[in-house]
Amino acid sequence: MKQVNVSEELYDRLKDFVVDPFDDTLETVVTRLVDVATKAKDRWVLAEAAEAPEPVYENSGAFRSKEVSEPGSL
């Protein structure tokens, strides 16, 4: 098992995330935070992918983004 040293300030902040003081350990609190961060990261990746311009394929096999292929935008 690895050991991680944290400052007293961070330890006090981590204690704010304790849900059940009788069952929660530092590991369960950190695991919970990592799970939340992972879910948030997955949502950011999906949101970024949704915001990316969708390519428009032309007869030549080349592609341009929709923004460039709009009439009058060349």
PDB file of N, CA and C in Angstrom:
ATOM      1  N   MET A   1       0.850  -1.181   0.000  1.00  0.00           N
ATOM      2  CA  MET A   1       0.000   0.000   0.000  1.00  0.00           C
ATOM      3  C   MET A   1       0.889   1.236   0.000  1.00  0.00           C
ATOM      4  N   LYS A   2       0.497   2.219  -0.796  1.00  0.00           N
ATOM      5  CA  LYS A   2       1.247   3.476  -0.887  1.00  0.00           C
ATOM      6  C   LYS A   2       0.816   4.416   0.236  1.00  0.00           C
ATOM      7  N   GLN A   3       1.707   5.305   0.598  1.00  0.00           N
ATOM      8  CA  GLN A   3       1.415   6.308   1.614  1.00  0.00           C
ATOM      9  C   GLN A   3       1.494   7.679   0.967  1.00  0.00           C
ATOM     10  N   VAL A   4       0.505   8.512   1.255  1.00  0.00           N
ATOM     11  CA  VAL A   4       0.468   9.862   0.709  1.00  0.00           C
ATOM     12  C   VAL A   4       0.445  10.837   1.875  1.00  0.00           C
ATOM     13  N   ASN A   5       1.357  11.790   1.850  1.00  0.00           N
ATOM     14  CA  ASN A   5       1.384  12.812   2.888  1.00  0.00           C
ATOM     15  C   ASN A   5       0.630  14.042   2.402  1.00  0.00           C
ATOM     16  N   VAL A   6      -0.243  14.557   3.240  1.00  0.00           N
ATOM     17  CA  VAL A   6      -0.987  15.774   2.915  1.00  0.00           C
ATOM     18  C   VAL A   6      -0.816  16.769   4.055  1.00  0.00           C
ATOM     19  N   SER A   7      -0.979  18.027   3.710  1.00  0.00           N
ATOM     20  CA  SER A   7      -0.851  19.061   4.739  1.00  0.00           C
ATOM     21  C   SER A   7      -2.050  19.000   5.685  1.00  0.00           C
ATOM     22  N   GLU A   8      -1.903  19.610   6.817  1.00  0.00           N
ATOM     23  CA  GLU A   8      -3.006  19.673   7.788  1.00  0.00           C
ATOM     24  C   GLU A   8      -4.206  20.400   7.179  1.00  0.00           C
ATOM     25  N   GLU A   9      -3.925  21.440   6.398  1.00  0.00           N
ATOM     26  CA  GLU A   9      -5.007  22.200   5.760  1.00  0.00           C
ATOM     27  C   GLU A   9      -5.810  21.327   4.810  1.00  0.00           C
ATOM     28  N   LEU A  10      -5.115  20.545   3.974  1.00  0.00           N
ATOM     29  CA  LEU A  10      -5.812  19.667   3.039  1.00  0.00           C
ATOM     30  C   LEU A  10      -6.556  18.573   3.793  1.00  0.00           C
ATOM     31  N   TYR A  11      -5.952  18.041   4.832  1.00  0.00           N
ATOM     32  CA  TYR A  11      -6.608  17.013   5.629  1.00  0.00           C
ATOM     33  C   TYR A  11      -7.901  17.552   6.229  1.00  0.00           C
ATOM     34  N   ASP A  12      -7.865  18.771   6.736  1.00  0.00           N
ATOM     35  CA  ASP A  12      -9.077  19.390   7.283  1.00  0.00           C
ATOM     36  C   ASP A  12     -10.143  19.571   6.204  1.00  0.00           C
ATOM     37  N   ARG A  13      -9.716  19.942   4.995  1.00  0.00           N
ATOM     38  CA  ARG A  13     -10.670  20.094   3.887  1.00  0.00           C
ATOM     39  C   ARG A  13     -11.264  18.743   3.499  1.00  0.00           C
ATOM     40  N   LEU A  14     -10.445  17.702   3.493  1.00  0.00           N
ATOM     41  CA  LEU A  14     -10.946  16.364   3.163  1.00  0.00           C
ATOM     42  C   LEU A  14     -11.972  15.886   4.180  1.00  0.00           C
ATOM     43  N   LYS A  15     -11.800  16.268   5.437  1.00  0.00           N
ATOM     44  CA  LYS A  15     -12.755  15.863   6.470  1.00  0.00           C
ATOM     45  C   LYS A  15     -14.147  16.437   6.212  1.00  0.00           C
ATOM     46  N   ASP A  16     -14.229  17.540   5.446  1.00  0.00           N
ATOM     47  CA  ASP A  16     -15.534  18.113   5.109  1.00  0.00           C
ATOM     48  C   ASP A  16     -16.342  17.196   4.192  1.00  0.00           C
ATOM     49  N   PHE A  17     -15.669  16.239   3.539  1.00  0.00           N
ATOM     50  CA  PHE A  17     -16.341  15.334   2.618  1.00  0.00           C
ATOM     51  C   PHE A  17     -16.752  14.014   3.263  1.00  0.00           C
ATOM     52  N   VAL A  18     -16.547  13.886   4.552  1.00  0.00           N
ATOM     53  CA  VAL A  18     -16.941  12.671   5.259  1.00  0.00           C
ATOM     54  C   VAL A  18     -18.462  12.627   5.339  1.00  0.00           C
ATOM     55  N   VAL A  19     -19.038  11.513   4.887  1.00  0.00           N
ATOM     56  CA  VAL A  19     -20.486  11.350   4.928  1.00  0.00           C
ATOM     57  C   VAL A  19     -20.890  10.631   6.215  1.00  0.00           C
ATOM     58  N   ASP A  20     -20.180   9.569   6.532  1.00  0.00           N
ATOM     59  CA  ASP A  20     -20.466   8.783   7.733  1.00  0.00           C
ATOM     60  C   ASP A  20     -19.192   8.692   8.564  1.00  0.00           C
ATOM     61  N   PRO A  21     -19.117   9.453   9.639  1.00  0.00           N
ATOM     62  CA  PRO A  21     -17.864   9.477  10.416  1.00  0.00           C
ATOM     63  C   PRO A  21     -17.482   8.127  11.030  1.00  0.00           C
ATOM     64  N   PHE A  22     -18.417   7.204  11.129  1.00  0.00           N
ATOM     65  CA  PHE A  22     -18.095   5.898  11.705  1.00  0.00           C
ATOM     66  C   PHE A  22     -17.580   4.919  10.652  1.00  0.00           C
ATOM     67  N   ASP A  23     -17.971   5.096   9.395  1.00  0.00           N
ATOM     68  CA  ASP A  23     -17.567   4.164   8.349  1.00  0.00           C
ATOM     69  C   ASP A  23     -16.561   4.746   7.366  1.00  0.00           C
ATOM     70  N   ASP A  24     -16.605   6.042   7.119  1.00  0.00           N
ATOM     71  CA  ASP A  24     -15.713   6.653   6.140  1.00  0.00           C
ATOM     72  C   ASP A  24     -14.279   6.699   6.654  1.00  0.00           C
ATOM     73  N   THR A  25     -13.383   6.348   5.758  1.00  0.00           N
ATOM     74  CA  THR A  25     -11.951   6.483   6.029  1.00  0.00           C
ATOM     75  C   THR A  25     -11.413   7.510   5.046  1.00  0.00           C
ATOM     76  N   LEU A  26     -10.179   7.887   5.200  1.00  0.00           N
ATOM     77  CA  LEU A  26      -9.570   8.810   4.245  1.00  0.00           C
ATOM     78  C   LEU A  26      -9.615   8.206   2.844  1.00  0.00           C
ATOM     79  N   GLU A  27      -9.404   6.915   2.742  1.00  0.00           N
ATOM     80  CA  GLU A  27      -9.436   6.259   1.426  1.00  0.00           C
ATOM     81  C   GLU A  27     -10.827   6.328   0.799  1.00  0.00           C
ATOM     82  N   THR A  28     -11.886   6.121   1.564  1.00  0.00           N
ATOM     83  CA  THR A  28     -13.233   6.199   0.979  1.00  0.00           C
ATOM     84  C   THR A  28     -13.553   7.619   0.534  1.00  0.00           C
ATOM     85  N   VAL A  29     -13.082   8.604   1.278  1.00  0.00           N
ATOM     86  CA  VAL A  29     -13.317  10.000   0.903  1.00  0.00           C
ATOM     87  C   VAL A  29     -12.571  10.333  -0.393  1.00  0.00           C
ATOM     88  N   VAL A  30     -11.315   9.944  -0.485  1.00  0.00           N
ATOM     89  CA  VAL A  30     -10.530  10.217  -1.690  1.00  0.00           C
ATOM     90  C   VAL A  30     -11.117   9.446  -2.872  1.00  0.00           C
ATOM     91  N   THR A  31     -11.536   8.216  -2.668  1.00  0.00           N
ATOM     92  CA  THR A  31     -12.162   7.424  -3.731  1.00  0.00           C
ATOM     93  C   THR A  31     -13.421   8.118  -4.232  1.00  0.00           C
ATOM     94  N   ARG A  32     -14.225   8.617  -3.334  1.00  0.00           N
ATOM     95  CA  ARG A  32     -15.445   9.335  -3.713  1.00  0.00           C
ATOM     96  C   ARG A  32     -15.101  10.567  -4.552  1.00  0.00           C
ATOM     97  N   LEU A  33     -14.087  11.320  -4.147  1.00  0.00           N
ATOM     98  CA  LEU A  33     -13.679  12.509  -4.898  1.00  0.00           C
ATOM     99  C   LEU A  33     -13.141  12.148  -6.278  1.00  0.00           C
ATOM    100  N   VAL A  34     -12.381  11.068  -6.367  1.00  0.00           N
ATOM    101  CA  VAL A  34     -11.857  10.628  -7.665  1.00  0.00           C
ATOM    102  C   VAL A  34     -13.005  10.192  -8.574  1.00  0.00           C
ATOM    103  N   ASP A  35     -14.005   9.509  -8.024  1.00  0.00           N
ATOM    104  CA  ASP A  35     -15.164   9.102  -8.816  1.00  0.00           C
ATOM    105  C   ASP A  35     -15.912  10.312  -9.361  1.00  0.00           C
ATOM    106  N   VAL A  36     -16.094  11.328  -8.537  1.00  0.00           N
ATOM    107  CA  VAL A  36     -16.775  12.553  -8.975  1.00  0.00           C
ATOM    108  C   VAL A  36     -15.955  13.247 -10.060  1.00  0.00           C
ATOM    109  N   ALA A  37     -14.659  13.326  -9.864  1.00  0.00           N
ATOM    110  CA  ALA A  37     -13.791  13.971 -10.854  1.00  0.00           C
ATOM    111  C   ALA A  37     -13.800  13.209 -12.176  1.00  0.00           C
ATOM    112  N   THR A  38     -13.835  11.891 -12.122  1.00  0.00           N
ATOM    113  CA  THR A  38     -13.872  11.075 -13.336  1.00  0.00           C
ATOM    114  C   THR A  38     -15.166  11.310 -14.102  1.00  0.00           C
ATOM    115  N   LYS A  39     -16.288  11.357 -13.399  1.00  0.00           N
ATOM    116  CA  LYS A  39     -17.574  11.622 -14.059  1.00  0.00           C
ATOM    117  C   LYS A  39     -17.577  13.009 -14.688  1.00  0.00           C
ATOM    118  N   ALA A  40     -17.035  13.981 -13.983  1.00  0.00           N
ATOM    119  CA  ALA A  40     -16.983  15.346 -14.518  1.00  0.00           C
ATOM    120  C   ALA A  40     -16.089  15.387 -15.753  1.00  0.00           C
ATOM    121  N   LYS A  41     -14.973  14.691 -15.721  1.00  0.00           N
ATOM    122  CA  LYS A  41     -14.056  14.660 -16.865  1.00  0.00           C
ATOM    123  C   LYS A  41     -14.747  14.043 -18.075  1.00  0.00           C
ATOM    124  N   ASP A  42     -15.481  12.956 -17.862  1.00  0.00           N
ATOM    125  CA  ASP A  42     -16.204  12.309 -18.961  1.00  0.00           C
ATOM    126  C   ASP A  42     -17.220  13.261 -19.574  1.00  0.00           C
ATOM    127  N   ARG A  43     -17.884  14.043 -18.757  1.00  0.00           N
ATOM    128  CA  ARG A  43     -18.868  15.003 -19.273  1.00  0.00           C
ATOM    129  C   ARG A  43     -18.184  16.121 -20.041  1.00  0.00           C
ATOM    130  N   TRP A  44     -17.013  16.578 -19.574  1.00  0.00           N
ATOM    131  CA  TRP A  44     -16.279  17.622 -20.283  1.00  0.00           C
ATOM    132  C   TRP A  44     -15.868  17.129 -21.659  1.00  0.00           C
ATOM    133  N   VAL A  45     -15.384  15.886 -21.724  1.00  0.00           N
ATOM    134  CA  VAL A  45     -14.949  15.321 -22.999  1.00  0.00           C
ATOM    135  C   VAL A  45     -16.129  15.231 -23.958  1.00  0.00           C
ATOM    136  N   LEU A  46     -17.286  14.782 -23.467  1.00  0.00           N
ATOM    137  CA  LEU A  46     -18.475  14.691 -24.314  1.00  0.00           C
ATOM    138  C   LEU A  46     -18.924  16.071 -24.768  1.00  0.00           C
ATOM    139  N   ALA A  47     -18.869  17.048 -23.882  1.00  0.00           N
ATOM    140  CA  ALA A  47     -19.279  18.412 -24.233  1.00  0.00           C
ATOM    141  C   ALA A  47     -18.332  19.001 -25.269  1.00  0.00           C
ATOM    142  N   GLU A  48     -17.042  18.772 -25.119  1.00  0.00           N
ATOM    143  CA  GLU A  48     -16.071  19.279 -26.093  1.00  0.00           C
ATOM    144  C   GLU A  48     -16.281  18.622 -27.449  1.00  0.00           C
ATOM    145  N   ALA A  49     -16.583  17.334 -27.460  1.00  0.00           N
ATOM    146  CA  ALA A  49     -16.815  16.629 -28.722  1.00  0.00           C
ATOM    147  C   ALA A  49     -18.069  17.160 -29.404  1.00  0.00           C
ATOM    148  N   ALA A  50     -19.090  17.506 -28.632  1.00  0.00           N
ATOM    149  CA  ALA A  50     -20.328  18.028 -29.202  1.00  0.00           C
ATOM    150  C   ALA A  50     -20.126  19.423 -29.782  1.00  0.00           C
ATOM    151  N   GLU A  51     -19.181  20.184 -29.235  1.00  0.00           N
ATOM    152  CA  GLU A  51     -18.932  21.547 -29.706  1.00  0.00           C
ATOM    153  C   GLU A  51     -18.027  21.590 -30.932  1.00  0.00           C
ATOM    154  N   ALA A  52     -17.310  20.513 -31.220  1.00  0.00           N
ATOM    155  CA  ALA A  52     -16.390  20.497 -32.365  1.00  0.00           C
ATOM    156  C   ALA A  52     -17.192  20.541 -33.660  1.00  0.00           C
ATOM    157  N   PRO A  53     -16.733  21.322 -34.639  1.00  0.00           N
ATOM    158  CA  PRO A  53     -17.457  21.377 -35.907  1.00  0.00           C
ATOM    159  C   PRO A  53     -17.428  20.029 -36.610  1.00  0.00           C
ATOM    160  N   GLU A  54     -18.571  19.644 -37.138  1.00  0.00           N
ATOM    161  CA  GLU A  54     -18.687  18.373 -37.841  1.00  0.00           C
ATOM    162  C   GLU A  54     -18.141  18.534 -39.253  1.00  0.00           C
ATOM    163  N   PRO A  55     -17.265  17.630 -39.708  1.00  0.00           N
ATOM    164  CA  PRO A  55     -16.703  17.775 -41.059  1.00  0.00           C
ATOM    165  C   PRO A  55     -17.763  17.525 -42.122  1.00  0.00           C
ATOM    166  N   VAL A  56     -17.623  18.214 -43.242  1.00  0.00           N
ATOM    167  CA  VAL A  56     -18.495  18.025 -44.391  1.00  0.00           C
ATOM    168  C   VAL A  56     -17.654  17.403 -45.494  1.00  0.00           C
ATOM    169  N   TYR A  57     -18.060  16.250 -45.973  1.00  0.00           N
ATOM    170  CA  TYR A  57     -17.299  15.543 -46.990  1.00  0.00           C
ATOM    171  C   TYR A  57     -17.755  15.992 -48.375  1.00  0.00           C
ATOM    172  N   GLU A  58     -16.791  16.204 -49.249  1.00  0.00           N
ATOM    173  CA  GLU A  58     -17.074  16.626 -50.616  1.00  0.00           C
ATOM    174  C   GLU A  58     -16.810  15.471 -51.573  1.00  0.00           C
ATOM    175  N   ASN A  59     -17.152  15.650 -52.839  1.00  0.00           N
ATOM    176  CA  ASN A  59     -16.974  14.601 -53.841  1.00  0.00           C
ATOM    177  C   ASN A  59     -15.526  14.164 -53.977  1.00  0.00           C
ATOM    178  N   SER A  60     -14.578  15.052 -53.740  1.00  0.00           N
ATOM    179  CA  SER A  60     -13.172  14.722 -53.919  1.00  0.00           C
ATOM    180  C   SER A  60     -12.616  13.846 -52.803  1.00  0.00           C
ATOM    181  N   GLY A  61     -13.405  13.621 -51.798  1.00  0.00           N
ATOM    182  CA  GLY A  61     -12.933  12.839 -50.669  1.00  0.00           C
ATOM    183  C   GLY A  61     -12.314  13.705 -49.585  1.00  0.00           C
ATOM    184  N   ALA A  62     -12.028  14.965 -49.901  1.00  0.00           N
ATOM    185  CA  ALA A  62     -11.503  15.883 -48.893  1.00  0.00           C
ATOM    186  C   ALA A  62     -12.667  16.368 -48.041  1.00  0.00           C
ATOM    187  N   PHE A  63     -12.368  16.931 -46.919  1.00  0.00           N
ATOM    188  CA  PHE A  63     -13.446  17.457 -46.093  1.00  0.00           C
ATOM    189  C   PHE A  63     -13.075  18.813 -45.528  1.00  0.00           C
ATOM    190  N   ARG A  64     -14.108  19.582 -45.264  1.00  0.00           N
ATOM    191  CA  ARG A  64     -13.973  20.885 -44.622  1.00  0.00           C
ATOM    192  C   ARG A  64     -14.997  20.951 -43.505  1.00  0.00           C
ATOM    193  N   SER A  65     -14.776  21.852 -42.553  1.00  0.00           N
ATOM    194  CA  SER A  65     -15.764  21.987 -41.492  1.00  0.00           C
ATOM    195  C   SER A  65     -16.979  22.676 -42.050  1.00  0.00           C
ATOM    196  N   LYS A  66     -18.135  22.514 -41.375  1.00  0.00           N
ATOM    197  CA  LYS A  66     -19.368  23.143 -41.830  1.00  0.00           C
ATOM    198  C   LYS A  66     -19.214  24.658 -41.874  1.00  0.00           C
ATOM    199  N   GLU A  67     -18.434  25.199 -40.935  1.00  0.00           N
ATOM    200  CA  GLU A  67     -18.257  26.646 -40.883  1.00  0.00           C
ATOM    201  C   GLU A  67     -17.647  27.157 -42.185  1.00  0.00           C
ATOM    202  N   VAL A  68     -16.699  26.439 -42.753  1.00  0.00           N
ATOM    203  CA  VAL A  68     -16.024  26.864 -43.975  1.00  0.00           C
ATOM    204  C   VAL A  68     -16.903  26.591 -45.190  1.00  0.00           C
ATOM    205  N   SER A  69     -17.734  25.542 -45.150  1.00  0.00           N
ATOM    206  CA  SER A  69     -18.497  25.158 -46.324  1.00  0.00           C
ATOM    207  C   SER A  69     -19.796  25.940 -46.486  1.00  0.00           C
ATOM    208  N   GLU A  70     -20.116  26.820 -45.561  1.00  0.00           N
ATOM    209  CA  GLU A  70     -21.327  27.634 -45.695  1.00  0.00           C
ATOM    210  C   GLU A  70     -21.177  28.571 -46.879  1.00  0.00           C
ATOM    211  N   PRO A  71     -22.248  28.842 -47.620  1.00  0.00           N
ATOM    212  CA  PRO A  71     -22.166  29.736 -48.775  1.00  0.00           C
ATOM    213  C   PRO A  71     -21.670  31.124 -48.368  1.00  0.00           C
ATOM    214  N   GLY A  72     -20.796  31.667 -49.181  1.00  0.00           N
ATOM    215  CA  GLY A  72     -20.296  33.016 -48.949  1.00  0.00           C
ATOM    216  C   GLY A  72     -19.224  33.119 -47.881  1.00  0.00           C
ATOM    217  N   SER A  73     -18.788  32.006 -47.303  1.00  0.00           N
ATOM    218  CA  SER A  73     -17.790  32.091 -46.238  1.00  0.00           C
ATOM    219  C   SER A  73     -16.389  31.867 -46.758  1.00  0.00           C
ATOM    220  N   LEU A  74     -16.216  31.619 -48.044  1.00  0.00           N
ATOM    221  CA  LEU A  74     -14.878  31.356 -48.579  1.00  0.00           C
ATOM    222  C   LEU A  74     -14.109  32.593 -48.758  1.00  0.00           C
TER     223      LEU A  74
END
